[in-house]
Protein backbone atom coordinates (compact mmCIF):
# COMPACT_ATOMS: atom_id res chain seq x y z
CA UNK A 1 0.00 -0.03 0.02
CA UNK A 2 1.17 3.47 -0.81
CA UNK A 3 0.21 6.91 0.43
CA UNK A 4 -1.25 8.67 -2.65
CA UNK A 5 -1.36 12.11 -1.04
CA UNK A 6 -0.48 13.92 2.09
CA UNK A 7 -2.94 16.80 1.80
CA UNK A 8 -2.81 19.86 4.00
CA UNK A 9 -5.78 22.26 4.11
CA UNK A 10 -5.37 25.97 4.92
CA UNK A 11 -7.43 29.21 4.61
CA UNK A 12 -6.49 31.77 1.92
CA UNK A 13 -3.69 32.95 4.19
CA UNK A 14 -0.22 33.47 2.65
CA UNK A 15 1.22 33.32 6.15
CA UNK A 16 0.08 29.69 6.48
CA UNK A 17 1.67 28.31 3.33
CA UNK A 18 5.16 27.90 4.75
CA UNK A 19 3.84 26.27 7.98
CA UNK A 20 1.65 23.98 5.85
CA UNK A 21 4.70 22.98 3.83
CA UNK A 22 6.67 22.22 7.04
CA UNK A 23 3.78 19.97 8.27
CA UNK A 24 3.59 18.18 4.96
CA UNK A 25 7.35 17.57 4.84
CA UNK A 26 7.34 16.33 8.51
CA UNK A 27 4.42 14.03 7.58
CA UNK A 28 6.16 12.64 4.54
CA UNK A 29 9.33 11.96 6.55
CA UNK A 30 7.40 10.27 9.32
CA UNK A 31 5.50 8.00 6.98
CA UNK A 32 8.60 7.25 4.96
CA UNK A 33 10.51 6.13 8.08
CA UNK A 34 7.51 3.80 8.71
CA UNK A 35 8.24 2.31 5.28
CA UNK A 36 5.32 3.89 3.39
CA UNK A 37 5.98 5.42 0.08
CA UNK A 38 4.45 8.91 -0.18
CA UNK A 39 3.73 9.80 -3.80
CA UNK A 40 2.69 13.43 -3.60
CA UNK A 41 2.11 16.22 -1.06
CA UNK A 42 -0.74 18.61 -1.78
CA UNK A 43 -2.21 21.87 -0.64
CA UNK A 44 -5.99 22.57 -0.69
CA UNK A 45 -7.69 26.02 -0.21
CA UNK A 46 -11.39 26.87 0.59
CA UNK A 47 -13.90 27.80 -2.13
CA UNK A 48 -13.08 31.25 -3.45
CA UNK A 49 -16.20 33.34 -4.13
CA UNK A 50 -15.02 36.82 -3.18
CA UNK A 51 -13.23 37.84 -6.44
CA UNK A 52 -15.27 38.82 -9.42
CA UNK A 53 -12.46 39.85 -11.65
CA UNK A 54 -11.17 36.82 -13.62
CA UNK A 55 -7.80 38.60 -14.35
CA UNK A 56 -7.22 39.18 -10.71
CA UNK A 57 -8.11 35.60 -9.95
CA UNK A 58 -5.66 34.26 -12.58
CA UNK A 59 -2.85 36.36 -11.25
CA UNK A 60 -3.53 35.35 -7.66
CA UNK A 61 -3.73 31.72 -8.60
CA UNK A 62 -0.39 31.88 -10.34
CA UNK A 63 1.05 33.49 -7.23
CA UNK A 64 -0.35 30.78 -5.00
CA UNK A 65 0.95 28.06 -7.29
CA UNK A 66 4.44 29.57 -6.96
CA UNK A 67 4.12 29.85 -3.22
CA UNK A 68 2.93 26.20 -2.92
CA UNK A 69 5.74 25.03 -5.07
CA UNK A 70 8.29 26.95 -3.00
CA UNK A 71 6.76 25.39 0.21
CA UNK A 72 7.38 21.88 -1.20
CA UNK A 73 3.86 20.94 -2.51
CA UNK A 74 3.42 19.01 -5.74
CA UNK A 75 -0.08 20.23 -6.44
CA UNK A 76 -2.66 22.95 -5.39
CA UNK A 77 -6.48 22.84 -5.26
CA UNK A 78 -8.35 26.09 -5.43
CA UNK A 79 -11.51 24.29 -4.43
CA UNK A 80 -15.00 24.43 -6.11
CA UNK A 81 -15.37 27.69 -8.12
CA UNK A 82 -18.68 29.45 -8.50
CA UNK A 83 -18.88 32.30 -11.11
CA UNK A 84 -15.13 32.08 -11.64
CA UNK A 85 -15.52 28.58 -13.05
CA UNK A 86 -15.70 30.23 -16.44
CA UNK A 87 -11.98 30.96 -15.93
CA UNK A 88 -10.92 27.38 -15.56
CA UNK A 89 -9.72 26.72 -19.10
CA UNK A 90 -7.53 29.92 -18.96
CA UNK A 91 -6.44 28.96 -15.43
CA UNK A 92 -5.29 25.48 -16.61
CA UNK A 93 -3.61 26.98 -19.68
CA UNK A 94 -1.63 29.37 -17.62
CA UNK A 95 -0.71 27.10 -14.67
CA UNK A 96 0.72 23.55 -14.42
CA UNK A 97 -0.16 22.18 -11.05
CA UNK A 98 -3.47 23.74 -10.02
CA UNK A 99 -6.66 21.59 -9.75
CA UNK A 100 -10.20 22.95 -9.52
CA UNK A 101 -13.76 21.73 -9.38
CA UNK A 102 -17.39 22.69 -9.95
CA UNK A 103 -20.10 21.94 -7.44
CA UNK A 104 -23.30 20.38 -9.08
CA UNK A 105 -26.10 22.06 -7.23
CA UNK A 106 -28.69 22.72 -9.98
CA UNK A 107 -29.34 22.65 -13.68
CA UNK A 108 -27.33 25.82 -14.20
CA UNK A 109 -24.09 24.47 -12.56
CA UNK A 110 -24.59 21.13 -14.47
CA UNK A 111 -24.68 23.04 -17.81
CA UNK A 112 -21.71 25.14 -16.71
CA UNK A 113 -19.68 21.99 -15.78
CA UNK A 114 -20.49 20.48 -19.13
CA UNK A 115 -19.47 23.64 -20.97
CA UNK A 116 -16.17 24.03 -19.09
CA UNK A 117 -15.41 20.32 -19.69
CA UNK A 118 -15.86 20.81 -23.51
CA UNK A 119 -13.63 23.94 -23.37
CA UNK A 120 -11.00 22.35 -21.17
CA UNK A 121 -10.62 19.53 -23.76
CA UNK A 122 -8.94 22.08 -26.09
CA UNK A 123 -6.45 23.48 -23.63
CA UNK A 124 -3.86 20.96 -24.63
CA UNK A 125 -4.06 18.72 -27.78
CA UNK A 126 -4.66 15.43 -25.96
CA UNK A 127 -7.48 16.64 -23.75
CA UNK A 128 -5.40 16.07 -20.59
CA UNK A 129 -6.39 19.35 -18.93
CA UNK A 130 -9.63 17.68 -17.71
CA UNK A 131 -7.54 15.52 -15.50
CA UNK A 132 -7.31 18.66 -13.31
CA UNK A 133 -11.11 19.20 -13.21
CA UNK A 134 -13.89 17.40 -11.30
CA UNK A 135 -17.65 17.96 -11.19
CA UNK A 136 -18.62 17.39 -7.51
CA UNK A 137 -22.10 16.24 -6.24
CA UNK A 138 -22.51 16.31 -2.44
CA UNK A 139 -18.78 16.25 -1.65
CA UNK A 140 -17.96 17.67 1.71
CA UNK A 141 -14.68 19.52 2.50
CA UNK A 142 -11.49 17.86 3.77
CA UNK A 143 -11.28 15.02 1.33
CA UNK A 144 -7.59 14.64 0.44
CA UNK A 145 -8.06 13.21 -3.08
CA UNK A 146 -7.75 15.83 -5.93
CA UNK A 147 -9.56 17.34 -7.68
CA UNK A 148 -12.28 16.94 -4.95
CA UNK A 149 -10.19 18.48 -2.12
CA UNK A 150 -11.15 21.81 -0.56
CA UNK A 151 -10.87 23.33 2.93
CA UNK A 152 -13.66 24.03 5.30
CA UNK A 153 -12.34 27.39 6.18
CA UNK A 154 -11.30 26.48 9.80
CA UNK A 155 -7.80 26.12 11.14
CA UNK A 156 -5.08 24.10 9.24
CA UNK A 157 -5.83 20.44 8.92
CA UNK A 158 -4.04 17.37 7.33
CA UNK A 159 -5.45 14.20 5.82
CA UNK A 160 -4.09 11.20 4.03
CA UNK A 161 -5.28 9.54 0.79
CA UNK A 162 -4.30 6.01 0.28
CA UNK A 163 -3.57 3.87 -2.82
CA UNK A 164 -4.80 0.61 -1.38
CA UNK A 165 -6.10 -1.50 -4.22
CA UNK A 166 -3.20 -3.84 -3.70
CA UNK A 167 -4.55 -4.79 -0.23
CA UNK A 168 -7.76 -6.04 -1.96
CA UNK A 169 -5.67 -8.03 -4.47
CA UNK A 170 -3.68 -9.67 -1.66
CA UNK A 171 -6.84 -10.50 0.29
CA UNK A 172 -8.57 -12.01 -2.66
CA UNK A 173 -5.49 -14.14 -3.63
CA UNK A 174 -4.82 -15.49 -0.14
CA UNK A 175 -8.22 -15.99 1.39
CA UNK A 176 -10.05 -19.24 0.98
CA UNK A 177 -13.23 -17.63 -0.57
CA UNK A 178 -14.64 -14.16 -1.23
CA UNK A 179 -16.33 -13.72 2.20
CA UNK A 180 -13.00 -14.56 3.84
CA UNK A 181 -11.22 -12.10 1.57
CA UNK A 182 -13.51 -9.30 2.54
CA UNK A 183 -13.19 -10.02 6.22
CA UNK A 184 -9.41 -10.02 5.81
CA UNK A 185 -9.43 -6.79 3.94
CA UNK A 186 -11.65 -4.99 6.53
CA UNK A 187 -9.34 -6.07 9.37
CA UNK A 188 -6.22 -4.87 7.42
CA UNK A 189 -7.84 -1.50 6.60
CA UNK A 190 -8.82 -1.02 10.28
CA UNK A 191 -5.34 -1.84 11.65
CA UNK A 192 -3.59 0.19 9.08
CA UNK A 193 -5.85 3.18 9.54
CA UNK A 194 -5.30 3.38 13.28
CA UNK A 195 -1.56 2.93 12.78
CA UNK A 196 -1.31 5.71 10.29
CA UNK A 197 -3.43 7.97 12.65
CA UNK A 198 -0.98 6.99 15.45
CA UNK A 199 2.00 8.12 13.34
CA UNK A 200 0.47 11.55 12.57
CA UNK A 201 -1.05 12.57 15.77
CA UNK A 202 2.20 13.92 17.34
CA UNK A 203 2.83 16.10 14.31
CA UNK A 204 -0.68 17.39 14.35
CA UNK A 205 -0.17 18.45 17.90
CA UNK A 206 3.23 19.99 17.33
CA UNK A 207 1.89 22.13 14.42
CA UNK A 208 -1.34 23.02 16.22
CA UNK A 209 -3.30 21.60 13.36
CA UNK A 210 -6.31 19.23 12.95
CA UNK A 211 -6.11 15.62 11.87
CA UNK A 212 -9.08 15.40 9.42
CA UNK A 213 -8.59 11.67 8.99
CA UNK A 214 -7.71 9.10 6.32
CA UNK A 215 -9.54 8.56 2.99
CA UNK A 216 -8.76 4.79 2.97
CA UNK A 217 -9.98 4.24 -0.60
CA UNK A 218 -9.04 1.30 -2.68
CA UNK A 219 -7.44 3.48 -5.29
CA UNK A 220 -5.45 1.73 -8.03
CA UNK A 221 -2.16 2.21 -9.96
CA UNK A 222 -1.88 0.98 -13.63
CA UNK A 223 -0.22 -2.29 -12.78
CA UNK A 224 -2.04 -5.68 -12.41
CA UNK A 225 -0.91 -6.12 -8.81
CA UNK A 226 -2.30 -2.73 -7.88
CA UNK A 227 -5.47 -2.95 -9.89
CA UNK A 228 -8.79 -2.68 -8.23
CA UNK A 229 -10.03 -4.43 -11.39
CA UNK A 230 -7.82 -7.40 -10.59
CA UNK A 231 -9.29 -7.75 -7.19
CA UNK A 232 -12.83 -7.45 -8.36
CA UNK A 233 -12.36 -10.02 -11.14
CA UNK A 234 -10.84 -12.46 -8.51
CA UNK A 235 -13.79 -11.97 -6.18
CA UNK A 236 -16.50 -12.16 -8.95
CA UNK A 237 -14.87 -14.84 -11.13
CA UNK A 238 -15.89 -12.88 -14.25
CA UNK A 239 -14.37 -10.06 -16.37
CA UNK A 240 -15.05 -6.56 -15.01
CA UNK A 241 -18.41 -5.32 -16.43
CA UNK A 242 -20.13 -8.82 -16.49
CA UNK A 243 -22.96 -9.89 -14.14
CA UNK A 244 -21.39 -10.40 -10.72
CA UNK A 245 -19.19 -7.27 -10.88
CA UNK A 246 -21.66 -5.16 -8.84
CA UNK A 247 -21.76 -7.69 -6.00
CA UNK A 248 -17.94 -7.69 -5.79
CA UNK A 249 -17.69 -3.88 -5.89
CA UNK A 250 -20.43 -3.64 -3.11
CA UNK A 251 -18.55 -6.21 -1.04
CA UNK A 252 -15.28 -4.34 -1.26
CA UNK A 253 -17.00 -1.01 -0.38
CA UNK A 254 -18.66 -2.68 2.59
CA UNK A 255 -15.32 -3.94 3.86
CA UNK A 256 -13.69 -0.55 3.82
CA UNK A 257 -16.82 1.23 5.20
CA UNK A 258 -17.15 -1.32 7.96
CA UNK A 259 -13.65 -0.81 9.28
CA UNK A 260 -13.21 1.53 12.25
CA UNK A 261 -10.55 4.21 11.83
CA UNK A 262 -10.40 8.04 11.74
CA UNK A 263 -11.91 8.69 8.31
CA UNK A 264 -12.59 11.54 5.93
CA UNK A 265 -13.43 11.75 2.22
CA UNK A 266 -14.89 8.76 0.27
CA UNK A 267 -13.43 5.69 1.88
CA UNK A 268 -14.65 3.43 -0.76
CA UNK A 269 -13.85 1.71 -4.08
CA UNK A 270 -12.30 3.96 -6.81
CA UNK A 271 -12.88 2.94 -10.42
CA UNK A 272 -10.82 5.38 -12.57
CA UNK A 273 -10.77 3.76 -16.03
CA UNK A 274 -7.39 5.19 -17.16
CA UNK A 275 -5.63 4.75 -13.82
CA UNK A 276 -6.26 1.00 -13.75
CA UNK A 277 -4.75 -1.42 -16.11
CA UNK A 278 -7.63 -4.01 -15.93
CA UNK A 279 -10.37 -1.35 -16.14
CA UNK A 280 -8.62 0.30 -19.06
CA UNK A 281 -8.29 -3.04 -20.86
CA UNK A 282 -11.97 -3.98 -20.18
CA UNK A 283 -13.07 -0.50 -21.49
CA UNK A 284 -11.01 -1.20 -24.73
CA UNK A 285 -12.65 -4.61 -25.03
CA UNK A 286 -16.02 -2.78 -24.83
CA UNK A 287 -17.13 -4.61 -21.69
CA UNK A 288 -18.12 -1.33 -20.10
CA UNK A 289 -20.64 1.42 -20.65
CA UNK A 290 -21.05 4.70 -18.83
CA UNK A 291 -24.26 3.48 -17.48
CA UNK A 292 -22.55 0.46 -15.94
CA UNK A 293 -20.18 2.76 -14.07
CA UNK A 294 -23.03 4.84 -12.74
CA UNK A 295 -24.59 1.56 -11.43
CA UNK A 296 -21.36 0.70 -9.60
CA UNK A 297 -21.06 4.20 -8.22
CA UNK A 298 -24.37 3.67 -6.46
CA UNK A 299 -22.61 1.04 -4.16
CA UNK A 300 -18.97 2.15 -3.97
CA UNK A 301 -16.94 5.24 -3.68
CA UNK A 302 -16.43 8.21 -6.04
CA UNK A 303 -18.46 8.17 -9.27
CA UNK A 304 -17.16 8.52 -12.82
CA UNK A 305 -13.36 8.97 -12.98
CA UNK A 306 -10.96 9.42 -15.90
CA UNK A 307 -13.43 8.43 -18.60
CA UNK A 308 -11.97 8.78 -22.14
CA UNK A 309 -14.71 10.13 -24.21
CA UNK A 310 -15.12 11.20 -27.82
CA UNK A 311 -13.75 14.57 -28.75
CA UNK A 312 -16.96 15.31 -30.63
CA UNK A 313 -19.23 14.73 -27.57
CA UNK A 314 -21.74 17.46 -27.24
CA UNK A 315 -22.24 19.66 -24.18
CA UNK A 316 -25.83 18.32 -24.01
CA UNK A 317 -24.61 14.76 -23.81
CA UNK A 318 -22.05 15.68 -21.05
CA UNK A 319 -24.75 17.57 -19.15
CA UNK A 320 -27.08 14.52 -19.19
CA UNK A 321 -24.28 12.37 -17.63
CA UNK A 322 -23.65 14.99 -14.98
CA UNK A 323 -27.32 15.31 -14.25
CA UNK A 324 -27.56 11.58 -13.68
CA UNK A 325 -24.58 11.73 -11.40
CA UNK A 326 -26.19 14.63 -9.45
CA UNK A 327 -29.46 12.80 -9.18
CA UNK A 328 -27.79 9.66 -7.91
CA UNK A 329 -25.85 11.60 -5.31
CA UNK A 330 -28.96 13.37 -4.11
CA UNK A 331 -31.12 10.26 -4.05
CA UNK A 332 -28.59 8.16 -2.09
CA UNK A 333 -27.15 10.97 -0.03
CA UNK A 334 -23.61 10.03 -0.97
CA UNK A 335 -20.70 12.06 -2.38
CA UNK A 336 -19.94 11.49 -6.08
CA UNK A 337 -17.53 13.01 -8.57
CA UNK A 338 -17.17 13.08 -12.33
CA UNK A 339 -13.84 13.55 -14.23
CA UNK A 340 -14.79 13.34 -17.80
CA UNK A 341 -12.08 13.53 -20.50
CA UNK A 342 -13.09 14.20 -24.09
CA UNK A 343 -10.19 13.46 -26.42
CA UNK A 344 -9.90 15.89 -29.31
CA UNK A 345 -9.97 14.17 -32.64
CA UNK A 346 -10.74 10.74 -31.24
CA UNK A 347 -13.93 8.70 -31.63
CA UNK A 348 -15.29 5.62 -29.80
CA UNK A 349 -12.94 2.65 -30.19
CA UNK A 350 -9.87 4.86 -31.08
CA UNK A 351 -6.80 3.82 -29.12
CA UNK A 352 -5.38 6.36 -26.67
CA UNK A 353 -2.14 6.42 -24.65
CA UNK A 354 -0.82 9.19 -22.49
CA UNK A 355 2.78 9.91 -21.47
CA UNK A 356 1.77 9.82 -17.80
CA UNK A 357 2.86 7.17 -15.19
CA UNK A 358 -0.66 7.01 -13.63
CA UNK A 359 -2.51 6.30 -16.89
CA UNK A 360 -2.86 2.97 -18.72
CA UNK A 361 -3.48 2.65 -22.49
CA UNK A 362 -7.11 2.16 -23.46
CA UNK A 363 -9.63 3.28 -26.13
CA UNK A 364 -12.28 6.01 -26.29
CA UNK A 365 -15.54 5.02 -24.70
CA UNK A 366 -18.91 5.61 -26.38
CA UNK A 367 -21.37 7.88 -24.78
């Protein structure tokens, strides 16, 4: 298991950036000494609604990106943007490490998110800019995963995001049956969660910060041994997307959610198509539809993540998907996100491959 992110949350206070960087550095050192690989350290800010001038916002965002980098952070989240969301394509064109989101609260924000997703697809030739954007439905603050992360406006806080799909793979491989595998996984998540909290609590006290908790989600990496798709197929006995997949996904989510540990964020099963070798392959084999992924979102963790879509997809089609996601979140009372990635010049079935360590090759999905 790896630590995907050490995320520190602060108010819009320049004085806090250096202290946040020192906390993140100390947390990384502590976790590394305990034999955990920390992939990134990240800084998250509260939603910004006070600026009306887009030019001023872009200038300040660039300054914050520079400050965050100087303090040792790999990435910066400026949180859900209201009227300033129209500046996201320019923001991503003029920065490198800033993430942002749009909160889906009504039909107007759904349409806005669809329009920005379309515009974002043209910021860079391969559509990669949408990797830095998420549409959020019912997502509370203090989730350490990007792009969903944003601060609640209180004192400085810290949280961990895990990359724990390999724990599910190991449990499925070593247990005598699926039920035993889920019991084993729940015990492992609980024990590890409390150990991680034990490691960080002295730092939290020393820096007078809050410990927001751990988002112990089964996030994957594009290798078979770290693939949540591998674990799901071992539990279900069928290729991902076939009948039996939903039950396996629900069982894994129940195992994580049944574990007792200091939690924040989603704490579920993440199914990012392009970040998982098996999911990317099943999508390429046309085992998956977007409606299937919405069905799985009803019983697992985060929603629709890193979906490669046709570059010609219309704003109306994107809006319908986002409206479905928002309805599902509202009906079930659970946080969900959408990170949709139209690929310019590509149509369903076209192969895609990014020069990015966290993405696996796949093909464009039909919508």
